[in-house]
PDB file of N, CA and C in Angstrom:
ATOM      1  N   MET A   1      14.667   5.635 -11.053  1.00  0.00           N
ATOM      2  CA  MET A   1      13.603   4.693 -10.722  1.00  0.00           C
ATOM      3  C   MET A   1      13.326   4.665  -9.210  1.00  0.00           C
ATOM      4  N   LYS A   2      12.000   4.500  -8.826  1.00  0.00           N
ATOM      5  CA  LYS A   2      11.650   4.460  -7.485  1.00  0.00           C
ATOM      6  C   LYS A   2      10.905   3.247  -7.121  1.00  0.00           C
ATOM      7  N   LEU A   3      11.012   2.839  -5.878  1.00  0.00           N
ATOM      8  CA  LEU A   3      10.095   1.747  -5.374  1.00  0.00           C
ATOM      9  C   LEU A   3       9.029   2.500  -4.534  1.00  0.00           C
ATOM     10  N   ALA A   4       7.849   2.313  -4.935  1.00  0.00           N
ATOM     11  CA  ALA A   4       6.682   2.905  -4.178  1.00  0.00           C
ATOM     12  C   ALA A   4       6.140   1.720  -3.232  1.00  0.00           C
ATOM     13  N   VAL A   5       5.947   2.030  -2.001  1.00  0.00           N
ATOM     14  CA  VAL A   5       5.527   1.027  -1.079  1.00  0.00           C
ATOM     15  C   VAL A   5       4.176   1.597  -0.487  1.00  0.00           C
ATOM     16  N   ILE A   6       3.034   1.010  -0.672  1.00  0.00           N
ATOM     17  CA  ILE A   6       1.837   1.431  -0.226  1.00  0.00           C
ATOM     18  C   ILE A   6       1.301   0.527   0.808  1.00  0.00           C
ATOM     19  N   PHE A   7       0.993   0.989   1.990  1.00  0.00           N
ATOM     20  CA  PHE A   7       0.338   0.123   3.118  1.00  0.00           C
ATOM     21  C   PHE A   7      -1.062   0.456   3.052  1.00  0.00           C
ATOM     22  N   LEU A   8      -1.786  -0.513   2.614  1.00  0.00           N
ATOM     23  CA  LEU A   8      -3.282  -0.340   2.405  1.00  0.00           C
ATOM     24  C   LEU A   8      -4.021  -0.951   3.588  1.00  0.00           C
ATOM     25  N   ASN A   9      -4.577  -0.085   4.448  1.00  0.00           N
ATOM     26  CA  ASN A   9      -5.367  -0.545   5.597  1.00  0.00           C
ATOM     27  C   ASN A   9      -6.807  -0.943   5.298  1.00  0.00           C
ATOM     28  N   ARG A  10      -7.319  -0.410   4.310  1.00  0.00           N
ATOM     29  CA  ARG A  10      -8.691  -0.674   3.930  1.00  0.00           C
ATOM     30  C   ARG A  10      -8.667  -1.499   2.566  1.00  0.00           C
ATOM     31  N   ILE A  11      -8.705  -2.914   2.776  1.00  0.00           N
ATOM     32  CA  ILE A  11      -8.406  -3.762   1.574  1.00  0.00           C
ATOM     33  C   ILE A  11      -9.604  -3.871   0.555  1.00  0.00           C
ATOM     34  N   GLU A  12     -10.696  -3.311   1.068  1.00  0.00           N
ATOM     35  CA  GLU A  12     -11.817  -3.254   0.060  1.00  0.00           C
ATOM     36  C   GLU A  12     -11.533  -2.391  -1.016  1.00  0.00           C
ATOM     37  N   TYR A  13     -10.411  -1.499  -0.941  1.00  0.00           N
ATOM     38  CA  TYR A  13     -10.251  -0.529  -2.106  1.00  0.00           C
ATOM     39  C   TYR A  13      -9.255  -1.116  -3.041  1.00  0.00           C
ATOM     40  N   LEU A  14      -8.651  -2.321  -2.668  1.00  0.00           N
ATOM     41  CA  LEU A  14      -7.520  -2.807  -3.584  1.00  0.00           C
ATOM     42  C   LEU A  14      -7.866  -2.928  -4.998  1.00  0.00           C
ATOM     43  N   ASP A  15      -8.988  -3.469  -5.378  1.00  0.00           N
ATOM     44  CA  ASP A  15      -9.396  -3.614  -6.782  1.00  0.00           C
ATOM     45  C   ASP A  15      -9.426  -2.330  -7.534  1.00  0.00           C
ATOM     46  N   GLU A  16     -10.052  -1.383  -6.871  1.00  0.00           N
ATOM     47  CA  GLU A  16     -10.157  -0.011  -7.511  1.00  0.00           C
ATOM     48  C   GLU A  16      -8.866   0.645  -7.570  1.00  0.00           C
ATOM     49  N   ILE A  17      -8.067   0.510  -6.562  1.00  0.00           N
ATOM     50  CA  ILE A  17      -6.636   1.147  -6.613  1.00  0.00           C
ATOM     51  C   ILE A  17      -5.855   0.541  -7.836  1.00  0.00           C
ATOM     52  N   LEU A  18      -5.869  -0.787  -7.879  1.00  0.00           N
ATOM     53  CA  LEU A  18      -5.077  -1.543  -8.925  1.00  0.00           C
ATOM     54  C   LEU A  18      -5.639  -1.127 -10.318  1.00  0.00           C
ATOM     55  N   SER A  19      -7.049  -1.024 -10.442  1.00  0.00           N
ATOM     56  CA  SER A  19      -7.567  -0.679 -11.702  1.00  0.00           C
ATOM     57  C   SER A  19      -7.172   0.749 -12.199  1.00  0.00           C
ATOM     58  N   VAL A  20      -7.198   1.683 -11.144  1.00  0.00           N
ATOM     59  CA  VAL A  20      -6.789   2.966 -11.567  1.00  0.00           C
ATOM     60  C   VAL A  20      -5.341   3.044 -11.898  1.00  0.00           C
ATOM     61  N   PHE A  21      -4.493   2.290 -11.146  1.00  0.00           N
ATOM     62  CA  PHE A  21      -2.991   2.305 -11.522  1.00  0.00           C
ATOM     63  C   PHE A  21      -2.844   1.885 -12.864  1.00  0.00           C
ATOM     64  N   LEU A  22      -3.516   0.834 -13.331  1.00  0.00           N
ATOM     65  CA  LEU A  22      -3.443   0.380 -14.646  1.00  0.00           C
ATOM     66  C   LEU A  22      -3.794   1.378 -15.679  1.00  0.00           C
ATOM     67  N   GLU A  23      -4.874   2.161 -15.408  1.00  0.00           N
ATOM     68  CA  GLU A  23      -5.363   3.333 -16.256  1.00  0.00           C
ATOM     69  C   GLU A  23      -4.235   4.407 -16.272  1.00  0.00           C
ATOM     70  N   ILE A  24      -3.520   4.616 -15.337  1.00  0.00           N
ATOM     71  CA  ILE A  24      -2.466   5.814 -15.385  1.00  0.00           C
ATOM     72  C   ILE A  24      -1.179   5.292 -15.827  1.00  0.00           C
ATOM     73  N   GLY A  25      -1.014   4.019 -16.083  1.00  0.00           N
ATOM     74  CA  GLY A  25       0.268   3.600 -16.722  1.00  0.00           C
ATOM     75  C   GLY A  25       1.133   2.817 -15.897  1.00  0.00           C
ATOM     76  N   VAL A  26       0.728   2.350 -14.713  1.00  0.00           N
ATOM     77  CA  VAL A  26       1.500   1.505 -13.865  1.00  0.00           C
ATOM     78  C   VAL A  26       1.409   0.092 -14.463  1.00  0.00           C
ATOM     79  N   SER A  27       2.654  -0.494 -14.916  1.00  0.00           N
ATOM     80  CA  SER A  27       2.540  -1.725 -15.697  1.00  0.00           C
ATOM     81  C   SER A  27       2.587  -2.998 -14.816  1.00  0.00           C
ATOM     82  N   GLY A  28       2.893  -2.847 -13.438  1.00  0.00           N
ATOM     83  CA  GLY A  28       2.884  -3.960 -12.696  1.00  0.00           C
ATOM     84  C   GLY A  28       3.049  -3.588 -11.197  1.00  0.00           C
ATOM     85  N   ALA A  29       2.729  -4.464 -10.275  1.00  0.00           N
ATOM     86  CA  ALA A  29       2.823  -4.256  -8.917  1.00  0.00           C
ATOM     87  C   ALA A  29       2.717  -5.679  -8.197  1.00  0.00           C
ATOM     88  N   THR A  30       3.304  -5.739  -7.078  1.00  0.00           N
ATOM     89  CA  THR A  30       3.260  -6.937  -6.221  1.00  0.00           C
ATOM     90  C   THR A  30       2.433  -6.624  -5.045  1.00  0.00           C
ATOM     91  N   VAL A  31       1.476  -7.466  -4.698  1.00  0.00           N
ATOM     92  CA  VAL A  31       0.643  -7.279  -3.499  1.00  0.00           C
ATOM     93  C   VAL A  31       0.917  -8.432  -2.574  1.00  0.00           C
ATOM     94  N   LEU A  32       1.168  -7.975  -1.318  1.00  0.00           N
ATOM     95  CA  LEU A  32       1.501  -8.820  -0.172  1.00  0.00           C
ATOM     96  C   LEU A  32       0.396  -8.704   0.906  1.00  0.00           C
ATOM     97  N   ASP A  33       0.104  -9.768   1.523  1.00  0.00           N
ATOM     98  CA  ASP A  33      -0.649  -9.806   2.785  1.00  0.00           C
ATOM     99  C   ASP A  33       0.210  -9.307   3.987  1.00  0.00           C
ATOM    100  N   SER A  34      -0.369  -8.513   4.817  1.00  0.00           N
ATOM    101  CA  SER A  34       0.320  -8.126   5.992  1.00  0.00           C
ATOM    102  C   SER A  34      -0.632  -7.890   7.155  1.00  0.00           C
ATOM    103  N   VAL A  35       0.078  -7.879   8.336  1.00  0.00           N
ATOM    104  CA  VAL A  35      -0.740  -7.765   9.607  1.00  0.00           C
ATOM    105  C   VAL A  35       0.091  -6.638  10.451  1.00  0.00           C
ATOM    106  N   GLY A  36      -0.617  -5.636  10.940  1.00  0.00           N
ATOM    107  CA  GLY A  36       0.127  -4.661  11.711  1.00  0.00           C
ATOM    108  C   GLY A  36       0.526  -5.198  13.020  1.00  0.00           C
ATOM    109  N   MET A  37       1.665  -4.531  13.604  1.00  0.00           N
ATOM    110  CA  MET A  37       2.229  -4.884  14.825  1.00  0.00           C
ATOM    111  C   MET A  37       1.283  -4.734  16.039  1.00  0.00           C
ATOM    112  N   GLY A  38       0.531  -3.664  15.966  1.00  0.00           N
ATOM    113  CA  GLY A  38      -0.474  -3.481  17.070  1.00  0.00           C
ATOM    114  C   GLY A  38      -1.513  -4.604  17.205  1.00  0.00           C
ATOM    115  N   HIS A  39      -1.920  -5.071  16.027  1.00  0.00           N
ATOM    116  CA  HIS A  39      -2.891  -6.146  16.113  1.00  0.00           C
ATOM    117  C   HIS A  39      -2.367  -7.460  16.528  1.00  0.00           C
ATOM    118  N   ILE A  40      -1.106  -7.718  16.226  1.00  0.00           N
ATOM    119  CA  ILE A  40      -0.378  -8.971  16.631  1.00  0.00           C
ATOM    120  C   ILE A  40      -0.194  -8.855  18.220  1.00  0.00           C
ATOM    121  N   LEU A  41       0.296  -7.721  18.645  1.00  0.00           N
ATOM    122  CA  LEU A  41       0.615  -7.521  20.076  1.00  0.00           C
ATOM    123  C   LEU A  41      -0.767  -7.697  20.887  1.00  0.00           C
ATOM    124  N   SER A  42      -1.855  -7.027  20.403  1.00  0.00           N
ATOM    125  CA  SER A  42      -3.087  -7.069  21.197  1.00  0.00           C
ATOM    126  C   SER A  42      -3.751  -8.446  21.155  1.00  0.00           C
ATOM    127  N   GLN A  43      -3.398  -9.253  20.227  1.00  0.00           N
ATOM    128  CA  GLN A  43      -4.013 -10.512  20.076  1.00  0.00           C
ATOM    129  C   GLN A  43      -3.256 -11.691  20.858  1.00  0.00           C
ATOM    130  N   ASN A  44      -1.891 -11.505  20.615  1.00  0.00           N
ATOM    131  CA  ASN A  44      -1.016 -12.548  21.018  1.00  0.00           C
ATOM    132  C   ASN A  44      -0.142 -12.371  22.168  1.00  0.00           C
ATOM    133  N   VAL A  45      -0.019 -11.152  22.725  1.00  0.00           N
ATOM    134  CA  VAL A  45       0.851 -10.975  23.921  1.00  0.00           C
ATOM    135  C   VAL A  45      -0.050 -10.516  25.083  1.00  0.00           C
ATOM    136  N   PRO A  46      -0.124 -11.386  26.100  1.00  0.00           N
ATOM    137  CA  PRO A  46      -1.100 -11.137  27.266  1.00  0.00           C
ATOM    138  C   PRO A  46      -0.944  -9.667  27.807  1.00  0.00           C
ATOM    139  N   ILE A  47       0.358  -9.234  27.925  1.00  0.00           N
ATOM    140  CA  ILE A  47       0.524  -7.877  28.493  1.00  0.00           C
ATOM    141  C   ILE A  47      -0.118  -6.815  27.729  1.00  0.00           C
ATOM    142  N   PHE A  48      -0.313  -6.958  26.473  1.00  0.00           N
ATOM    143  CA  PHE A  48      -0.896  -5.954  25.639  1.00  0.00           C
ATOM    144  C   PHE A  48      -2.283  -6.169  25.348  1.00  0.00           C
ATOM    145  N   ALA A  49      -2.942  -7.067  26.056  1.00  0.00           N
ATOM    146  CA  ALA A  49      -4.328  -7.353  25.734  1.00  0.00           C
ATOM    147  C   ALA A  49      -5.305  -6.205  25.912  1.00  0.00           C
ATOM    148  N   GLY A  50      -4.831  -5.223  26.759  1.00  0.00           N
ATOM    149  CA  GLY A  50      -5.706  -3.979  26.868  1.00  0.00           C
ATOM    150  C   GLY A  50      -5.884  -3.227  25.582  1.00  0.00           C
ATOM    151  N   LEU A  51      -5.007  -3.463  24.595  1.00  0.00           N
ATOM    152  CA  LEU A  51      -4.941  -2.650  23.329  1.00  0.00           C
ATOM    153  C   LEU A  51      -6.118  -3.270  22.468  1.00  0.00           C
ATOM    154  N   ARG A  52      -6.687  -4.373  22.812  1.00  0.00           N
ATOM    155  CA  ARG A  52      -7.708  -4.892  21.908  1.00  0.00           C
ATOM    156  C   ARG A  52      -8.849  -3.864  21.628  1.00  0.00           C
ATOM    157  N   GLU A  53      -9.278  -3.115  22.616  1.00  0.00           N
ATOM    158  CA  GLU A  53     -10.348  -2.141  22.444  1.00  0.00           C
ATOM    159  C   GLU A  53      -9.809  -1.121  21.461  1.00  0.00           C
ATOM    160  N   ALA A  54      -8.563  -0.717  21.543  1.00  0.00           N
ATOM    161  CA  ALA A  54      -8.006   0.338  20.604  1.00  0.00           C
ATOM    162  C   ALA A  54      -8.036  -0.146  19.255  1.00  0.00           C
ATOM    163  N   PHE A  55      -8.052  -1.418  18.917  1.00  0.00           N
ATOM    164  CA  PHE A  55      -8.016  -1.933  17.532  1.00  0.00           C
ATOM    165  C   PHE A  55      -9.377  -2.490  17.250  1.00  0.00           C
ATOM    166  N   ALA A  56     -10.389  -2.307  18.043  1.00  0.00           N
ATOM    167  CA  ALA A  56     -11.669  -2.869  17.691  1.00  0.00           C
ATOM    168  C   ALA A  56     -12.236  -2.255  16.521  1.00  0.00           C
ATOM    169  N   GLY A  57     -12.735  -3.091  15.655  1.00  0.00           N
ATOM    170  CA  GLY A  57     -13.228  -2.555  14.306  1.00  0.00           C
ATOM    171  C   GLY A  57     -12.252  -2.381  13.245  1.00  0.00           C
ATOM    172  N   SER A  58     -11.010  -2.406  13.523  1.00  0.00           N
ATOM    173  CA  SER A  58      -9.904  -2.337  12.568  1.00  0.00           C
ATOM    174  C   SER A  58      -9.744  -3.633  11.844  1.00  0.00           C
ATOM    175  N   SER A  59      -9.286  -3.636  10.664  1.00  0.00           N
ATOM    176  CA  SER A  59      -9.067  -4.852   9.940  1.00  0.00           C
ATOM    177  C   SER A  59      -7.850  -5.522  10.381  1.00  0.00           C
ATOM    178  N   PRO A  60      -7.836  -6.766  10.660  1.00  0.00           N
ATOM    179  CA  PRO A  60      -6.525  -7.412  11.063  1.00  0.00           C
ATOM    180  C   PRO A  60      -5.568  -7.715   9.828  1.00  0.00           C
ATOM    181  N   ASN A  61      -6.205  -7.649   8.720  1.00  0.00           N
ATOM    182  CA  ASN A  61      -5.437  -7.972   7.504  1.00  0.00           C
ATOM    183  C   ASN A  61      -5.273  -6.741   6.698  1.00  0.00           C
ATOM    184  N   ASN A  62      -4.062  -6.476   6.180  1.00  0.00           N
ATOM    185  CA  ASN A  62      -3.830  -5.362   5.363  1.00  0.00           C
ATOM    186  C   ASN A  62      -3.095  -5.756   4.147  1.00  0.00           C
ATOM    187  N   LYS A  63      -2.719  -4.934   3.161  1.00  0.00           N
ATOM    188  CA  LYS A  63      -2.106  -5.287   2.025  1.00  0.00           C
ATOM    189  C   LYS A  63      -0.911  -4.358   1.861  1.00  0.00           C
ATOM    190  N   ILE A  64       0.226  -4.765   1.208  1.00  0.00           N
ATOM    191  CA  ILE A  64       1.251  -3.880   0.951  1.00  0.00           C
ATOM    192  C   ILE A  64       1.409  -4.116  -0.651  1.00  0.00           C
ATOM    193  N   ILE A  65       1.514  -2.895  -1.200  1.00  0.00           N
ATOM    194  CA  ILE A  65       1.488  -2.901  -2.768  1.00  0.00           C
ATOM    195  C   ILE A  65       2.996  -2.292  -3.056  1.00  0.00           C
ATOM    196  N   LEU A  66       3.649  -3.113  -3.778  1.00  0.00           N
ATOM    197  CA  LEU A  66       5.112  -2.705  -4.134  1.00  0.00           C
ATOM    198  C   LEU A  66       5.086  -2.420  -5.700  1.00  0.00           C
ATOM    199  N   MET A  67       5.692  -1.349  -6.117  1.00  0.00           N
ATOM    200  CA  MET A  67       5.753  -0.986  -7.526  1.00  0.00           C
ATOM    201  C   MET A  67       7.088  -0.279  -7.919  1.00  0.00           C
ATOM    202  N   LEU A  68       7.682  -0.716  -8.869  1.00  0.00           N
ATOM    203  CA  LEU A  68       8.834  -0.124  -9.364  1.00  0.00           C
ATOM    204  C   LEU A  68       8.386   0.805 -10.543  1.00  0.00           C
ATOM    205  N   VAL A  69       8.494   2.114 -10.306  1.00  0.00           N
ATOM    206  CA  VAL A  69       8.111   3.184 -11.215  1.00  0.00           C
ATOM    207  C   VAL A  69       9.119   4.229 -11.509  1.00  0.00           C
ATOM    208  N   GLU A  70       8.888   4.863 -12.658  1.00  0.00           N
ATOM    209  CA  GLU A  70       9.800   6.035 -12.860  1.00  0.00           C
ATOM    210  C   GLU A  70       9.421   7.164 -11.919  1.00  0.00           C
ATOM    211  N   GLU A  71      10.332   7.896 -11.583  1.00  0.00           N
ATOM    212  CA  GLU A  71      10.132   8.944 -10.589  1.00  0.00           C
ATOM    213  C   GLU A  71       9.019   9.924 -11.025  1.00  0.00           C
ATOM    214  N   GLU A  72       8.861  10.271 -12.366  1.00  0.00           N
ATOM    215  CA  GLU A  72       7.829  11.033 -12.796  1.00  0.00           C
ATOM    216  C   GLU A  72       6.303  10.601 -12.390  1.00  0.00           C
ATOM    217  N   MET A  73       6.277   9.182 -12.274  1.00  0.00           N
ATOM    218  CA  MET A  73       4.922   8.614 -11.876  1.00  0.00           C
ATOM    219  C   MET A  73       4.452   8.810 -10.437  1.00  0.00           C
ATOM    220  N   ILE A  74       5.393   9.173  -9.542  1.00  0.00           N
ATOM    221  CA  ILE A  74       5.102   9.226  -8.173  1.00  0.00           C
ATOM    222  C   ILE A  74       3.844  10.203  -7.929  1.00  0.00           C
ATOM    223  N   GLU A  75       3.973  11.406  -8.371  1.00  0.00           N
ATOM    224  CA  GLU A  75       2.949  12.402  -8.184  1.00  0.00           C
ATOM    225  C   GLU A  75       1.540  11.993  -8.795  1.00  0.00           C
ATOM    226  N   THR A  76       1.619  11.327  -9.864  1.00  0.00           N
ATOM    227  CA  THR A  76       0.396  10.789 -10.527  1.00  0.00           C
ATOM    228  C   THR A  76      -0.266   9.706  -9.690  1.00  0.00           C
ATOM    229  N   ILE A  77       0.584   8.874  -8.993  1.00  0.00           N
ATOM    230  CA  ILE A  77       0.206   7.802  -8.095  1.00  0.00           C
ATOM    231  C   ILE A  77      -0.430   8.433  -6.834  1.00  0.00           C
ATOM    232  N   VAL A  78       0.203   9.392  -6.297  1.00  0.00           N
ATOM    233  CA  VAL A  78      -0.282  10.058  -5.066  1.00  0.00           C
ATOM    234  C   VAL A  78      -1.749  10.717  -5.385  1.00  0.00           C
ATOM    235  N   VAL A  79      -1.757  11.366  -6.549  1.00  0.00           N
ATOM    236  CA  VAL A  79      -3.107  11.953  -6.771  1.00  0.00           C
ATOM    237  C   VAL A  79      -4.185  10.958  -6.898  1.00  0.00           C
ATOM    238  N   ALA A  80      -3.876   9.872  -7.645  1.00  0.00           N
ATOM    239  CA  ALA A  80      -4.811   8.786  -7.776  1.00  0.00           C
ATOM    240  C   ALA A  80      -5.327   8.204  -6.417  1.00  0.00           C
ATOM    241  N   LEU A  81      -4.307   7.984  -5.507  1.00  0.00           N
ATOM    242  CA  LEU A  81      -4.665   7.502  -4.154  1.00  0.00           C
ATOM    243  C   LEU A  81      -5.477   8.474  -3.395  1.00  0.00           C
ATOM    244  N   GLU A  82      -5.159   9.737  -3.532  1.00  0.00           N
ATOM    245  CA  GLU A  82      -6.024  10.793  -2.802  1.00  0.00           C
ATOM    246  C   GLU A  82      -7.341  10.877  -3.334  1.00  0.00           C
ATOM    247  N   ASP A  83      -7.478  10.758  -4.656  1.00  0.00           N
ATOM    248  CA  ASP A  83      -8.749  10.756  -5.268  1.00  0.00           C
ATOM    249  C   ASP A  83      -9.677   9.684  -4.797  1.00  0.00           C
ATOM    250  N   ILE A  84      -9.143   8.424  -4.641  1.00  0.00           N
ATOM    251  CA  ILE A  84      -9.879   7.365  -4.348  1.00  0.00           C
ATOM    252  C   ILE A  84     -10.274   7.399  -2.852  1.00  0.00           C
ATOM    253  N   CYS A  85      -9.357   7.888  -1.908  1.00  0.00           N
ATOM    254  CA  CYS A  85      -9.641   8.017  -0.561  1.00  0.00           C
ATOM    255  C   CYS A  85     -10.619   9.112  -0.219  1.00  0.00           C
ATOM    256  N   GLU A  86     -10.494  10.235  -1.020  1.00  0.00           N
ATOM    257  CA  GLU A  86     -11.377  11.382  -0.756  1.00  0.00           C
ATOM    258  C   GLU A  86     -12.845  10.885  -1.276  1.00  0.00           C
ATOM    259  N   GLU A  87     -12.888  10.136  -2.371  1.00  0.00           N
ATOM    260  CA  GLU A  87     -14.154   9.700  -2.930  1.00  0.00           C
ATOM    261  C   GLU A  87     -14.888   8.906  -1.948  1.00  0.00           C
ATOM    262  N   HIS A  88     -14.171   8.046  -1.172  1.00  0.00           N
ATOM    263  CA  HIS A  88     -14.797   7.282  -0.150  1.00  0.00           C
ATOM    264  C   HIS A  88     -14.768   7.912   1.238  1.00  0.00           C
ATOM    265  N   GLU A  89     -14.232   9.011   1.334  1.00  0.00           N
ATOM    266  CA  GLU A  89     -14.195   9.633   2.651  1.00  0.00           C
ATOM    267  C   GLU A  89     -13.660   8.954   3.753  1.00  0.00           C
ATOM    268  N   GLU A  90     -12.536   8.147   3.532  1.00  0.00           N
ATOM    269  CA  GLU A  90     -11.995   7.346   4.529  1.00  0.00           C
ATOM    270  C   GLU A  90     -10.667   7.968   5.061  1.00  0.00           C
ATOM    271  N   SER A  91     -10.419   7.910   6.307  1.00  0.00           N
ATOM    272  CA  SER A  91      -9.221   8.341   6.817  1.00  0.00           C
ATOM    273  C   SER A  91      -8.332   6.989   7.101  1.00  0.00           C
ATOM    274  N   LYS A  92      -7.058   7.147   7.139  1.00  0.00           N
ATOM    275  CA  LYS A  92      -6.196   6.021   7.485  1.00  0.00           C
ATOM    276  C   LYS A  92      -6.414   4.814   6.473  1.00  0.00           C
ATOM    277  N   THR A  93      -6.811   5.209   5.143  1.00  0.00           N
ATOM    278  CA  THR A  93      -6.922   4.106   4.248  1.00  0.00           C
ATOM    279  C   THR A  93      -5.601   3.586   3.795  1.00  0.00           C
ATOM    280  N   TYR A  94      -4.622   4.351   3.729  1.00  0.00           N
ATOM    281  CA  TYR A  94      -3.330   4.126   3.241  1.00  0.00           C
ATOM    282  C   TYR A  94      -2.180   5.044   3.708  1.00  0.00           C
ATOM    283  N   PHE A  95      -0.978   4.641   3.624  1.00  0.00           N
ATOM    284  CA  PHE A  95       0.096   5.499   3.529  1.00  0.00           C
ATOM    285  C   PHE A  95       1.031   4.952   2.614  1.00  0.00           C
ATOM    286  N   MET A  96       1.891   5.889   2.054  1.00  0.00           N
ATOM    287  CA  MET A  96       2.911   5.417   0.957  1.00  0.00           C
ATOM    288  C   MET A  96       4.271   6.065   1.277  1.00  0.00           C
ATOM    289  N   ALA A  97       5.213   5.162   0.917  1.00  0.00           N
ATOM    290  CA  ALA A  97       6.677   5.690   1.120  1.00  0.00           C
ATOM    291  C   ALA A  97       7.349   5.360  -0.170  1.00  0.00           C
ATOM    292  N   THR A  98       8.332   6.119  -0.572  1.00  0.00           N
ATOM    293  CA  THR A  98       9.048   5.786  -1.829  1.00  0.00           C
ATOM    294  C   THR A  98      10.591   5.661  -1.475  1.00  0.00           C
ATOM    295  N   LEU A  99      11.377   4.898  -2.182  1.00  0.00           N
ATOM    296  CA  LEU A  99      12.620   4.592  -2.004  1.00  0.00           C
ATOM    297  C   LEU A  99      13.343   4.769  -3.407  1.00  0.00           C
ATOM    298  N   SER A 100      14.543   5.324  -3.339  1.00  0.00           N
ATOM    299  CA  SER A 100      15.362   5.452  -4.582  1.00  0.00           C
ATOM    300  C   SER A 100      15.941   4.016  -4.867  1.00  0.00           C
ATOM    301  N   ILE A 101      16.017   3.616  -6.177  1.00  0.00           N
ATOM    302  CA  ILE A 101      16.561   2.339  -6.442  1.00  0.00           C
ATOM    303  C   ILE A 101      17.929   2.726  -7.182  1.00  0.00           C
ATOM    304  N   ASP A 102      19.041   2.225  -6.605  1.00  0.00           N
ATOM    305  CA  ASP A 102      20.248   2.438  -7.023  1.00  0.00           C
ATOM    306  C   ASP A 102      20.744   1.429  -8.109  1.00  0.00           C
ATOM    307  N   GLY A 103      20.115   0.187  -8.036  1.00  0.00           N
ATOM    308  CA  GLY A 103      20.501  -0.721  -9.033  1.00  0.00           C
ATOM    309  C   GLY A 103      19.279  -1.676  -9.225  1.00  0.00           C
ATOM    310  N   LEU A 104      19.177  -2.273 -10.366  1.00  0.00           N
ATOM    311  CA  LEU A 104      18.110  -3.274 -10.625  1.00  0.00           C
ATOM    312  C   LEU A 104      18.682  -4.399 -11.334  1.00  0.00           C
ATOM    313  N   TYR A 105      18.607  -5.615 -10.763  1.00  0.00           N
ATOM    314  CA  TYR A 105      19.312  -6.842 -11.272  1.00  0.00           C
ATOM    315  C   TYR A 105      18.295  -7.933 -11.508  1.00  0.00           C
ATOM    316  N   GLY A 106      18.528  -8.698 -12.422  1.00  0.00           N
ATOM    317  CA  GLY A 106      17.670  -9.783 -12.770  1.00  0.00           C
ATOM    318  C   GLY A 106      16.401  -9.391 -13.500  1.00  0.00           C
ATOM    319  N   PHE A 107      16.326  -8.226 -13.894  1.00  0.00           N
ATOM    320  CA  PHE A 107      15.113  -7.650 -14.407  1.00  0.00           C
ATOM    321  C   PHE A 107      15.491  -7.043 -15.749  1.00  0.00           C
ATOM    322  N   GLU A 108      14.762  -7.473 -16.841  1.00  0.00           N
ATOM    323  CA  GLU A 108      15.144  -6.898 -18.185  1.00  0.00           C
ATOM    324  C   GLU A 108      14.054  -5.902 -18.453  1.00  0.00           C
ATOM    325  N   LYS A 109      14.469  -4.696 -18.774  1.00  0.00           N
ATOM    326  CA  LYS A 109      13.630  -3.603 -19.141  1.00  0.00           C
ATOM    327  C   LYS A 109      13.037  -3.790 -20.551  1.00  0.00           C
ATOM    328  N   ASP A 110      11.819  -3.344 -20.749  1.00  0.00           N
ATOM    329  CA  ASP A 110      11.222  -3.382 -22.075  1.00  0.00           C
ATOM    330  C   ASP A 110      12.174  -2.743 -23.144  1.00  0.00           C
ATOM    331  N   PRO A 111      12.604  -3.561 -24.176  1.00  0.00           N
ATOM    332  CA  PRO A 111      13.472  -3.181 -25.209  1.00  0.00           C
ATOM    333  C   PRO A 111      13.010  -1.930 -26.018  1.00  0.00           C
ATOM    334  N   SER A 112      11.759  -1.540 -25.969  1.00  0.00           N
ATOM    335  CA  SER A 112      11.225  -0.496 -26.771  1.00  0.00           C
ATOM    336  C   SER A 112      11.725   0.918 -26.343  1.00  0.00           C
TER     337      SER A 112
END
């Protein structure tokens, strides 16, 4: 089992991504609000105020999508994300990392 962590920088694609995930068999995900470190530093730390121009036009709010999936699903998820991002011709829309899960507690697998 893997934990897929997607950092979504273009939140306007969230609904489409979740819809496609449902179509490919992802049965659930957790979506969290997030803010990048660069944005916080450029807005809240006076010494980094010069970074504001570097982040002009970027969204201050991002999403993190967490999914527990079987390892075989990872490639399908990557292809789906690439298709969505290519379709919209956006760069820096997302990045994804995966982590191996050594144990899963307090979660009952589907008995089927």
